[in-house]
Amino acid sequence: MANAEHLKILNEGKVLGWNEWRKKNPNMKPDLSGAVFDGEDLRGVNFQNTDLRDTSLRDAKLREAELYRAEAEGAKFDNADMLWARCDEASFIEASFNTP
């Protein structure tokens, strides 16, 4: 279950506010597990070392997103735009990347 404070930071601050918060809290491991971000514009978001397990990101715009070491087991990336996203050492076990 996602951390309510982490969800609030992303939902209210969008990508710029989220990324600024990440810079101020570099040792924090955000928990967005199980959250729904279908269709959201998250271009350039810093999800480095973030818990994205079972998160739904269907049709999300994730261009140039930072997913380094993200835990995205079971996440739904169906039809997401992930062009130039950095996914080094991320875990995508049982994640879906289906396109129509």
PDB file of N, CA and C in Angstrom:
ATOM      1  N   MET A   1       0.847  -1.186   0.000  1.00  0.00           N
ATOM      2  CA  MET A   1       0.000   0.000   0.000  1.00  0.00           C
ATOM      3  C   MET A   1       0.886   1.240   0.000  1.00  0.00           C
ATOM      4  N   ALA A   2       0.578   2.156  -0.864  1.00  0.00           N
ATOM      5  CA  ALA A   2       1.374   3.373  -1.005  1.00  0.00           C
ATOM      6  C   ALA A   2       1.339   4.224   0.263  1.00  0.00           C
ATOM      7  N   ASN A   3       2.428   4.914   0.504  1.00  0.00           N
ATOM      8  CA  ASN A   3       2.525   5.855   1.606  1.00  0.00           C
ATOM      9  C   ASN A   3       1.696   7.091   1.237  1.00  0.00           C
ATOM     10  N   ALA A   4       0.722   7.448   2.069  1.00  0.00           N
ATOM     11  CA  ALA A   4      -0.189   8.559   1.767  1.00  0.00           C
ATOM     12  C   ALA A   4       0.559   9.875   1.578  1.00  0.00           C
ATOM     13  N   GLU A   5       1.594  10.114   2.369  1.00  0.00           N
ATOM     14  CA  GLU A   5       2.371  11.352   2.241  1.00  0.00           C
ATOM     15  C   GLU A   5       3.090  11.395   0.897  1.00  0.00           C
ATOM     16  N   HIS A   6       3.645  10.270   0.471  1.00  0.00           N
ATOM     17  CA  HIS A   6       4.353  10.221  -0.808  1.00  0.00           C
ATOM     18  C   HIS A   6       3.383  10.457  -1.970  1.00  0.00           C
ATOM     19  N   LEU A   7       2.198   9.869  -1.890  1.00  0.00           N
ATOM     20  CA  LEU A   7       1.181  10.091  -2.921  1.00  0.00           C
ATOM     21  C   LEU A   7       0.780  11.559  -2.988  1.00  0.00           C
ATOM     22  N   LYS A   8       0.602  12.160  -1.840  1.00  0.00           N
ATOM     23  CA  LYS A   8       0.202  13.573  -1.781  1.00  0.00           C
ATOM     24  C   LYS A   8       1.262  14.459  -2.426  1.00  0.00           C
ATOM     25  N   ILE A   9       2.521  14.197  -2.137  1.00  0.00           N
ATOM     26  CA  ILE A   9       3.614  14.993  -2.713  1.00  0.00           C
ATOM     27  C   ILE A   9       3.588  14.908  -4.233  1.00  0.00           C
ATOM     28  N   LEU A  10       3.418  13.713  -4.776  1.00  0.00           N
ATOM     29  CA  LEU A  10       3.397  13.552  -6.231  1.00  0.00           C
ATOM     30  C   LEU A  10       2.129  14.136  -6.838  1.00  0.00           C
ATOM     31  N   ASN A  11       0.986  13.890  -6.231  1.00  0.00           N
ATOM     32  CA  ASN A  11      -0.276  14.379  -6.791  1.00  0.00           C
ATOM     33  C   ASN A  11      -0.390  15.897  -6.743  1.00  0.00           C
ATOM     34  N   GLU A  12       0.110  16.515  -5.687  1.00  0.00           N
ATOM     35  CA  GLU A  12       0.011  17.969  -5.563  1.00  0.00           C
ATOM     36  C   GLU A  12       1.137  18.700  -6.285  1.00  0.00           C
ATOM     37  N   GLY A  13       2.347  18.169  -6.187  1.00  0.00           N
ATOM     38  CA  GLY A  13       3.497  18.853  -6.771  1.00  0.00           C
ATOM     39  C   GLY A  13       3.807  18.443  -8.187  1.00  0.00           C
ATOM     40  N   LYS A  14       3.112  17.404  -8.663  1.00  0.00           N
ATOM     41  CA  LYS A  14       3.385  16.836  -9.982  1.00  0.00           C
ATOM     42  C   LYS A  14       4.872  16.510 -10.100  1.00  0.00           C
ATOM     43  N   VAL A  15       5.381  16.401 -11.306  1.00  0.00           N
ATOM     44  CA  VAL A  15       6.758  15.940 -11.504  1.00  0.00           C
ATOM     45  C   VAL A  15       7.772  16.912 -10.907  1.00  0.00           C
ATOM     46  N   LEU A  16       7.594  18.207 -11.131  1.00  0.00           N
ATOM     47  CA  LEU A  16       8.579  19.177 -10.625  1.00  0.00           C
ATOM     48  C   LEU A  16       8.658  19.160  -9.103  1.00  0.00           C
ATOM     49  N   GLY A  17       7.509  19.177  -8.439  1.00  0.00           N
ATOM     50  CA  GLY A  17       7.486  19.144  -6.981  1.00  0.00           C
ATOM     51  C   GLY A  17       8.035  17.844  -6.423  1.00  0.00           C
ATOM     52  N   TRP A  18       7.672  16.738  -7.071  1.00  0.00           N
ATOM     53  CA  TRP A  18       8.174  15.425  -6.659  1.00  0.00           C
ATOM     54  C   TRP A  18       9.690  15.361  -6.778  1.00  0.00           C
ATOM     55  N   ASN A  19      10.204  15.771  -7.932  1.00  0.00           N
ATOM     56  CA  ASN A  19      11.649  15.703  -8.153  1.00  0.00           C
ATOM     57  C   ASN A  19      12.405  16.609  -7.185  1.00  0.00           C
ATOM     58  N   GLU A  20      11.844  17.751  -6.857  1.00  0.00           N
ATOM     59  CA  GLU A  20      12.474  18.646  -5.877  1.00  0.00           C
ATOM     60  C   GLU A  20      12.494  17.979  -4.501  1.00  0.00           C
ATOM     61  N   TRP A  21      11.394  17.347  -4.120  1.00  0.00           N
ATOM     62  CA  TRP A  21      11.329  16.634  -2.845  1.00  0.00           C
ATOM     63  C   TRP A  21      12.359  15.513  -2.813  1.00  0.00           C
ATOM     64  N   ARG A  22      12.518  14.803  -3.940  1.00  0.00           N
ATOM     65  CA  ARG A  22      13.513  13.727  -4.013  1.00  0.00           C
ATOM     66  C   ARG A  22      14.926  14.273  -3.812  1.00  0.00           C
ATOM     67  N   LYS A  23      15.217  15.446  -4.373  1.00  0.00           N
ATOM     68  CA  LYS A  23      16.544  16.054  -4.193  1.00  0.00           C
ATOM     69  C   LYS A  23      16.801  16.381  -2.726  1.00  0.00           C
ATOM     70  N   LYS A  24      15.773  16.813  -2.026  1.00  0.00           N
ATOM     71  CA  LYS A  24      15.904  17.179  -0.616  1.00  0.00           C
ATOM     72  C   LYS A  24      15.926  15.956   0.298  1.00  0.00           C
ATOM     73  N   ASN A  25      15.489  14.818  -0.212  1.00  0.00           N
ATOM     74  CA  ASN A  25      15.408  13.581   0.577  1.00  0.00           C
ATOM     75  C   ASN A  25      16.055  12.427  -0.183  1.00  0.00           C
ATOM     76  N   PRO A  26      17.351  12.527  -0.462  1.00  0.00           N
ATOM     77  CA  PRO A  26      18.002  11.529  -1.321  1.00  0.00           C
ATOM     78  C   PRO A  26      18.055  10.119  -0.739  1.00  0.00           C
ATOM     79  N   ASN A  27      17.964   9.986   0.564  1.00  0.00           N
ATOM     80  CA  ASN A  27      18.045   8.659   1.180  1.00  0.00           C
ATOM     81  C   ASN A  27      16.676   8.027   1.418  1.00  0.00           C
ATOM     82  N   MET A  28      15.626   8.746   1.080  1.00  0.00           N
ATOM     83  CA  MET A  28      14.264   8.245   1.250  1.00  0.00           C
ATOM     84  C   MET A  28      13.958   7.221   0.162  1.00  0.00           C
ATOM     85  N   LYS A  29      13.297   6.137   0.542  1.00  0.00           N
ATOM     86  CA  LYS A  29      12.827   5.153  -0.440  1.00  0.00           C
ATOM     87  C   LYS A  29      11.309   5.320  -0.530  1.00  0.00           C
ATOM     88  N   PRO A  30      10.845   6.064  -1.526  1.00  0.00           N
ATOM     89  CA  PRO A  30       9.409   6.315  -1.632  1.00  0.00           C
ATOM     90  C   PRO A  30       8.612   5.035  -1.867  1.00  0.00           C
ATOM     91  N   ASP A  31       7.414   5.015  -1.319  1.00  0.00           N
ATOM     92  CA  ASP A  31       6.519   3.873  -1.484  1.00  0.00           C
ATOM     93  C   ASP A  31       5.261   4.329  -2.214  1.00  0.00           C
ATOM     94  N   LEU A  32       5.162   3.961  -3.482  1.00  0.00           N
ATOM     95  CA  LEU A  32       3.978   4.250  -4.291  1.00  0.00           C
ATOM     96  C   LEU A  32       3.303   2.947  -4.711  1.00  0.00           C
ATOM     97  N   SER A  33       3.578   1.887  -3.973  1.00  0.00           N
ATOM     98  CA  SER A  33       3.056   0.564  -4.337  1.00  0.00           C
ATOM     99  C   SER A  33       1.530   0.563  -4.385  1.00  0.00           C
ATOM    100  N   GLY A  34       1.009  -0.040  -5.442  1.00  0.00           N
ATOM    101  CA  GLY A  34      -0.430  -0.182  -5.592  1.00  0.00           C
ATOM    102  C   GLY A  34      -1.162   1.068  -6.056  1.00  0.00           C
ATOM    103  N   ALA A  35      -0.456   2.160  -6.259  1.00  0.00           N
ATOM    104  CA  ALA A  35      -1.095   3.407  -6.690  1.00  0.00           C
ATOM    105  C   ALA A  35      -1.513   3.314  -8.155  1.00  0.00           C
ATOM    106  N   VAL A  36      -2.411   4.193  -8.554  1.00  0.00           N
ATOM    107  CA  VAL A  36      -2.893   4.230  -9.937  1.00  0.00           C
ATOM    108  C   VAL A  36      -2.530   5.576 -10.549  1.00  0.00           C
ATOM    109  N   PHE A  37      -1.717   5.510 -11.609  1.00  0.00           N
ATOM    110  CA  PHE A  37      -1.292   6.705 -12.338  1.00  0.00           C
ATOM    111  C   PHE A  37      -1.615   6.559 -13.823  1.00  0.00           C
ATOM    112  N   ASP A  38      -2.691   5.878 -14.130  1.00  0.00           N
ATOM    113  CA  ASP A  38      -3.066   5.639 -15.521  1.00  0.00           C
ATOM    114  C   ASP A  38      -3.243   6.961 -16.263  1.00  0.00           C
ATOM    115  N   GLY A  39      -2.571   7.077 -17.415  1.00  0.00           N
ATOM    116  CA  GLY A  39      -2.703   8.252 -18.264  1.00  0.00           C
ATOM    117  C   GLY A  39      -2.001   9.501 -17.773  1.00  0.00           C
ATOM    118  N   GLU A  40      -1.300   9.427 -16.660  1.00  0.00           N
ATOM    119  CA  GLU A  40      -0.641  10.608 -16.088  1.00  0.00           C
ATOM    120  C   GLU A  40       0.580  11.026 -16.900  1.00  0.00           C
ATOM    121  N   ASP A  41       0.850  12.318 -16.911  1.00  0.00           N
ATOM    122  CA  ASP A  41       2.047  12.859 -17.549  1.00  0.00           C
ATOM    123  C   ASP A  41       3.150  12.894 -16.499  1.00  0.00           C
ATOM    124  N   LEU A  42       4.034  11.920 -16.544  1.00  0.00           N
ATOM    125  CA  LEU A  42       5.121  11.788 -15.570  1.00  0.00           C
ATOM    126  C   LEU A  42       6.479  11.869 -16.266  1.00  0.00           C
ATOM    127  N   ARG A  43       6.537  12.613 -17.359  1.00  0.00           N
ATOM    128  CA  ARG A  43       7.796  12.740 -18.097  1.00  0.00           C
ATOM    129  C   ARG A  43       8.882  13.317 -17.195  1.00  0.00           C
ATOM    130  N   GLY A  44      10.024  12.618 -17.157  1.00  0.00           N
ATOM    131  CA  GLY A  44      11.168  13.071 -16.385  1.00  0.00           C
ATOM    132  C   GLY A  44      11.076  12.825 -14.889  1.00  0.00           C
ATOM    133  N   VAL A  45      10.093  12.074 -14.444  1.00  0.00           N
ATOM    134  CA  VAL A  45       9.920  11.825 -13.011  1.00  0.00           C
ATOM    135  C   VAL A  45      11.081  11.001 -12.454  1.00  0.00           C
ATOM    136  N   ASN A  46      11.446  11.284 -11.218  1.00  0.00           N
ATOM    137  CA  ASN A  46      12.500  10.539 -10.542  1.00  0.00           C
ATOM    138  C   ASN A  46      11.867   9.455  -9.665  1.00  0.00           C
ATOM    139  N   PHE A  47      11.777   8.256 -10.219  1.00  0.00           N
ATOM    140  CA  PHE A  47      11.299   7.096  -9.470  1.00  0.00           C
ATOM    141  C   PHE A  47      12.470   6.193  -9.094  1.00  0.00           C
ATOM    142  N   GLN A  48      13.650   6.768  -9.011  1.00  0.00           N
ATOM    143  CA  GLN A  48      14.833   5.987  -8.633  1.00  0.00           C
ATOM    144  C   GLN A  48      14.628   5.388  -7.249  1.00  0.00           C
ATOM    145  N   ASN A  49      14.890   4.085  -7.146  1.00  0.00           N
ATOM    146  CA  ASN A  49      14.807   3.376  -5.870  1.00  0.00           C
ATOM    147  C   ASN A  49      13.428   3.525  -5.214  1.00  0.00           C
ATOM    148  N   THR A  50      12.392   3.570  -6.027  1.00  0.00           N
ATOM    149  CA  THR A  50      11.025   3.740  -5.538  1.00  0.00           C
ATOM    150  C   THR A  50      10.288   2.408  -5.579  1.00  0.00           C
ATOM    151  N   ASP A  51       9.437   2.176  -4.587  1.00  0.00           N
ATOM    152  CA  ASP A  51       8.605   0.980  -4.550  1.00  0.00           C
ATOM    153  C   ASP A  51       7.385   1.227  -5.439  1.00  0.00           C
ATOM    154  N   LEU A  52       7.380   0.604  -6.603  1.00  0.00           N
ATOM    155  CA  LEU A  52       6.276   0.714  -7.557  1.00  0.00           C
ATOM    156  C   LEU A  52       5.563  -0.627  -7.727  1.00  0.00           C
ATOM    157  N   ARG A  53       5.716  -1.511  -6.755  1.00  0.00           N
ATOM    158  CA  ARG A  53       5.085  -2.832  -6.869  1.00  0.00           C
ATOM    159  C   ARG A  53       3.570  -2.696  -7.031  1.00  0.00           C
ATOM    160  N   ASP A  54       3.049  -3.413  -8.024  1.00  0.00           N
ATOM    161  CA  ASP A  54       1.610  -3.454  -8.309  1.00  0.00           C
ATOM    162  C   ASP A  54       1.012  -2.086  -8.633  1.00  0.00           C
ATOM    163  N   THR A  55       1.832  -1.144  -9.023  1.00  0.00           N
ATOM    164  CA  THR A  55       1.360   0.181  -9.419  1.00  0.00           C
ATOM    165  C   THR A  55       0.843   0.119 -10.851  1.00  0.00           C
ATOM    166  N   SER A  56      -0.210   0.874 -11.136  1.00  0.00           N
ATOM    167  CA  SER A  56      -0.762   0.918 -12.488  1.00  0.00           C
ATOM    168  C   SER A  56      -0.328   2.215 -13.163  1.00  0.00           C
ATOM    169  N   LEU A  57       0.417   2.065 -14.242  1.00  0.00           N
ATOM    170  CA  LEU A  57       0.916   3.199 -15.026  1.00  0.00           C
ATOM    171  C   LEU A  57       0.499   3.038 -16.485  1.00  0.00           C
ATOM    172  N   ARG A  58      -0.670   2.479 -16.697  1.00  0.00           N
ATOM    173  CA  ARG A  58      -1.166   2.258 -18.061  1.00  0.00           C
ATOM    174  C   ARG A  58      -1.339   3.600 -18.775  1.00  0.00           C
ATOM    175  N   ASP A  59      -0.861   3.662 -20.006  1.00  0.00           N
ATOM    176  CA  ASP A  59      -0.973   4.861 -20.843  1.00  0.00           C
ATOM    177  C   ASP A  59      -0.265   6.079 -20.246  1.00  0.00           C
ATOM    178  N   ALA A  60       0.590   5.881 -19.262  1.00  0.00           N
ATOM    179  CA  ALA A  60       1.317   7.002 -18.648  1.00  0.00           C
ATOM    180  C   ALA A  60       2.443   7.473 -19.564  1.00  0.00           C
ATOM    181  N   LYS A  61       2.749   8.746 -19.452  1.00  0.00           N
ATOM    182  CA  LYS A  61       3.877   9.318 -20.186  1.00  0.00           C
ATOM    183  C   LYS A  61       5.084   9.288 -19.251  1.00  0.00           C
ATOM    184  N   LEU A  62       6.010   8.390 -19.528  1.00  0.00           N
ATOM    185  CA  LEU A  62       7.186   8.190 -18.679  1.00  0.00           C
ATOM    186  C   LEU A  62       8.481   8.448 -19.443  1.00  0.00           C
ATOM    187  N   ARG A  63       8.414   9.266 -20.486  1.00  0.00           N
ATOM    188  CA  ARG A  63       9.633   9.593 -21.245  1.00  0.00           C
ATOM    189  C   ARG A  63      10.676  10.186 -20.320  1.00  0.00           C
ATOM    190  N   GLU A  64      11.896   9.707 -20.492  1.00  0.00           N
ATOM    191  CA  GLU A  64      13.043  10.187 -19.722  1.00  0.00           C
ATOM    192  C   GLU A  64      12.856  10.039 -18.213  1.00  0.00           C
ATOM    193  N   ALA A  65      11.972   9.136 -17.800  1.00  0.00           N
ATOM    194  CA  ALA A  65      11.789   8.871 -16.372  1.00  0.00           C
ATOM    195  C   ALA A  65      13.008   8.139 -15.826  1.00  0.00           C
ATOM    196  N   GLU A  66      13.277   8.360 -14.572  1.00  0.00           N
ATOM    197  CA  GLU A  66      14.390   7.726 -13.871  1.00  0.00           C
ATOM    198  C   GLU A  66      13.821   6.571 -13.052  1.00  0.00           C
ATOM    199  N   LEU A  67      14.018   5.341 -13.535  1.00  0.00           N
ATOM    200  CA  LEU A  67      13.521   4.150 -12.847  1.00  0.00           C
ATOM    201  C   LEU A  67      14.665   3.288 -12.324  1.00  0.00           C
ATOM    202  N   TYR A  68      15.830   3.869 -12.191  1.00  0.00           N
ATOM    203  CA  TYR A  68      17.008   3.155 -11.715  1.00  0.00           C
ATOM    204  C   TYR A  68      16.703   2.509 -10.364  1.00  0.00           C
ATOM    205  N   ARG A  69      16.901   1.198 -10.296  1.00  0.00           N
ATOM    206  CA  ARG A  69      16.682   0.407  -9.080  1.00  0.00           C
ATOM    207  C   ARG A  69      15.252   0.469  -8.537  1.00  0.00           C
ATOM    208  N   ALA A  70      14.298   0.809  -9.374  1.00  0.00           N
ATOM    209  CA  ALA A  70      12.901   0.797  -8.935  1.00  0.00           C
ATOM    210  C   ALA A  70      12.442  -0.645  -8.746  1.00  0.00           C
ATOM    211  N   GLU A  71      11.570  -0.848  -7.784  1.00  0.00           N
ATOM    212  CA  GLU A  71      10.960  -2.157  -7.557  1.00  0.00           C
ATOM    213  C   GLU A  71       9.576  -2.109  -8.184  1.00  0.00           C
ATOM    214  N   ALA A  72       9.448  -2.642  -9.386  1.00  0.00           N
ATOM    215  CA  ALA A  72       8.192  -2.549 -10.129  1.00  0.00           C
ATOM    216  C   ALA A  72       7.582  -3.920 -10.403  1.00  0.00           C
ATOM    217  N   GLU A  73       7.751  -4.835  -9.474  1.00  0.00           N
ATOM    218  CA  GLU A  73       7.185  -6.169  -9.646  1.00  0.00           C
ATOM    219  C   GLU A  73       5.665  -6.077  -9.740  1.00  0.00           C
ATOM    220  N   GLY A  74       5.103  -6.694 -10.764  1.00  0.00           N
ATOM    221  CA  GLY A  74       3.656  -6.722 -10.926  1.00  0.00           C
ATOM    222  C   GLY A  74       3.043  -5.415 -11.398  1.00  0.00           C
ATOM    223  N   ALA A  75       3.854  -4.421 -11.693  1.00  0.00           N
ATOM    224  CA  ALA A  75       3.329  -3.127 -12.155  1.00  0.00           C
ATOM    225  C   ALA A  75       2.770  -3.257 -13.565  1.00  0.00           C
ATOM    226  N   LYS A  76       1.855  -2.381 -13.904  1.00  0.00           N
ATOM    227  CA  LYS A  76       1.214  -2.377 -15.222  1.00  0.00           C
ATOM    228  C   LYS A  76       1.690  -1.152 -15.998  1.00  0.00           C
ATOM    229  N   PHE A  77       2.519  -1.396 -17.010  1.00  0.00           N
ATOM    230  CA  PHE A  77       3.038  -0.339 -17.876  1.00  0.00           C
ATOM    231  C   PHE A  77       2.415  -0.438 -19.269  1.00  0.00           C
ATOM    232  N   ASP A  78       1.263  -1.048 -19.369  1.00  0.00           N
ATOM    233  CA  ASP A  78       0.637  -1.278 -20.666  1.00  0.00           C
ATOM    234  C   ASP A  78       0.451   0.036 -21.423  1.00  0.00           C
ATOM    235  N   ASN A  79       0.960   0.062 -22.648  1.00  0.00           N
ATOM    236  CA  ASN A  79       0.868   1.203 -23.551  1.00  0.00           C
ATOM    237  C   ASN A  79       1.504   2.481 -22.985  1.00  0.00           C
ATOM    238  N   ALA A  80       2.388   2.363 -22.021  1.00  0.00           N
ATOM    239  CA  ALA A  80       3.083   3.536 -21.470  1.00  0.00           C
ATOM    240  C   ALA A  80       4.192   3.970 -22.422  1.00  0.00           C
ATOM    241  N   ASP A  81       4.414   5.269 -22.496  1.00  0.00           N
ATOM    242  CA  ASP A  81       5.501   5.823 -23.308  1.00  0.00           C
ATOM    243  C   ASP A  81       6.731   5.906 -22.417  1.00  0.00           C
ATOM    244  N   MET A  82       7.679   4.992 -22.623  1.00  0.00           N
ATOM    245  CA  MET A  82       8.880   4.931 -21.788  1.00  0.00           C
ATOM    246  C   MET A  82      10.146   5.219 -22.585  1.00  0.00           C
ATOM    247  N   LEU A  83       9.999   5.966 -23.677  1.00  0.00           N
ATOM    248  CA  LEU A  83      11.149   6.294 -24.506  1.00  0.00           C
ATOM    249  C   LEU A  83      12.200   7.018 -23.670  1.00  0.00           C
ATOM    250  N   TRP A  84      13.423   6.560 -23.751  1.00  0.00           N
ATOM    251  CA  TRP A  84      14.577   7.117 -23.052  1.00  0.00           C
ATOM    252  C   TRP A  84      14.478   7.036 -21.523  1.00  0.00           C
ATOM    253  N   ALA A  85      13.582   6.209 -21.009  1.00  0.00           N
ATOM    254  CA  ALA A  85      13.522   6.011 -19.557  1.00  0.00           C
ATOM    255  C   ALA A  85      14.736   5.193 -19.130  1.00  0.00           C
ATOM    256  N   ARG A  86      15.299   5.539 -17.991  1.00  0.00           N
ATOM    257  CA  ARG A  86      16.452   4.808 -17.464  1.00  0.00           C
ATOM    258  C   ARG A  86      15.933   3.730 -16.517  1.00  0.00           C
ATOM    259  N   CYS A  87      16.193   2.489 -16.877  1.00  0.00           N
ATOM    260  CA  CYS A  87      15.651   1.356 -16.123  1.00  0.00           C
ATOM    261  C   CYS A  87      16.734   0.437 -15.571  1.00  0.00           C
ATOM    262  N   ASP A  88      17.966   0.909 -15.487  1.00  0.00           N
ATOM    263  CA  ASP A  88      19.070   0.084 -14.995  1.00  0.00           C
ATOM    264  C   ASP A  88      18.742  -0.498 -13.619  1.00  0.00           C
ATOM    265  N   GLU A  89      18.979  -1.771 -13.473  1.00  0.00           N
ATOM    266  CA  GLU A  89      18.845  -2.489 -12.206  1.00  0.00           C
ATOM    267  C   GLU A  89      17.440  -2.439 -11.615  1.00  0.00           C
ATOM    268  N   ALA A  90      16.447  -2.054 -12.409  1.00  0.00           N
ATOM    269  CA  ALA A  90      15.064  -2.081 -11.937  1.00  0.00           C
ATOM    270  C   ALA A  90      14.554  -3.516 -11.994  1.00  0.00           C
ATOM    271  N   SER A  91      13.598  -3.827 -11.160  1.00  0.00           N
ATOM    272  CA  SER A  91      13.007  -5.160 -11.137  1.00  0.00           C
ATOM    273  C   SER A  91      11.594  -5.087 -11.712  1.00  0.00           C
ATOM    274  N   PHE A  92      11.382  -5.810 -12.815  1.00  0.00           N
ATOM    275  CA  PHE A  92      10.093  -5.816 -13.492  1.00  0.00           C
ATOM    276  C   PHE A  92       9.478  -7.217 -13.513  1.00  0.00           C
ATOM    277  N   ILE A  93       9.753  -8.025 -12.506  1.00  0.00           N
ATOM    278  CA  ILE A  93       9.210  -9.381 -12.453  1.00  0.00           C
ATOM    279  C   ILE A  93       7.684  -9.307 -12.480  1.00  0.00           C
ATOM    280  N   GLU A  94       7.083 -10.049 -13.401  1.00  0.00           N
ATOM    281  CA  GLU A  94       5.631 -10.122 -13.584  1.00  0.00           C
ATOM    282  C   GLU A  94       4.983  -8.778 -13.901  1.00  0.00           C
ATOM    283  N   ALA A  95       5.759  -7.790 -14.320  1.00  0.00           N
ATOM    284  CA  ALA A  95       5.186  -6.520 -14.784  1.00  0.00           C
ATOM    285  C   ALA A  95       4.668  -6.718 -16.201  1.00  0.00           C
ATOM    286  N   SER A  96       3.703  -5.902 -16.604  1.00  0.00           N
ATOM    287  CA  SER A  96       3.174  -6.026 -17.968  1.00  0.00           C
ATOM    288  C   SER A  96       3.483  -4.774 -18.775  1.00  0.00           C
ATOM    289  N   PHE A  97       3.801  -5.017 -20.044  1.00  0.00           N
ATOM    290  CA  PHE A  97       4.154  -3.954 -20.987  1.00  0.00           C
ATOM    291  C   PHE A  97       3.380  -4.153 -22.286  1.00  0.00           C
ATOM    292  N   ASN A  98       2.143  -4.532 -22.209  1.00  0.00           N
ATOM    293  CA  ASN A  98       1.347  -4.826 -23.402  1.00  0.00           C
ATOM    294  C   ASN A  98       1.008  -3.556 -24.167  1.00  0.00           C
ATOM    295  N   THR A  99       0.929  -3.693 -25.492  1.00  0.00           N
ATOM    296  CA  THR A  99       0.493  -2.589 -26.345  1.00  0.00           C
ATOM    297  C   THR A  99      -0.666  -3.086 -27.199  1.00  0.00           C
ATOM    298  N   PRO A 100      -1.566  -2.177 -27.554  1.00  0.00           N
ATOM    299  CA  PRO A 100      -2.733  -2.620 -28.339  1.00  0.00           C
ATOM    300  C   PRO A 100      -2.345  -3.057 -29.732  1.00  0.00           C
TER     301      PRO A 100
END
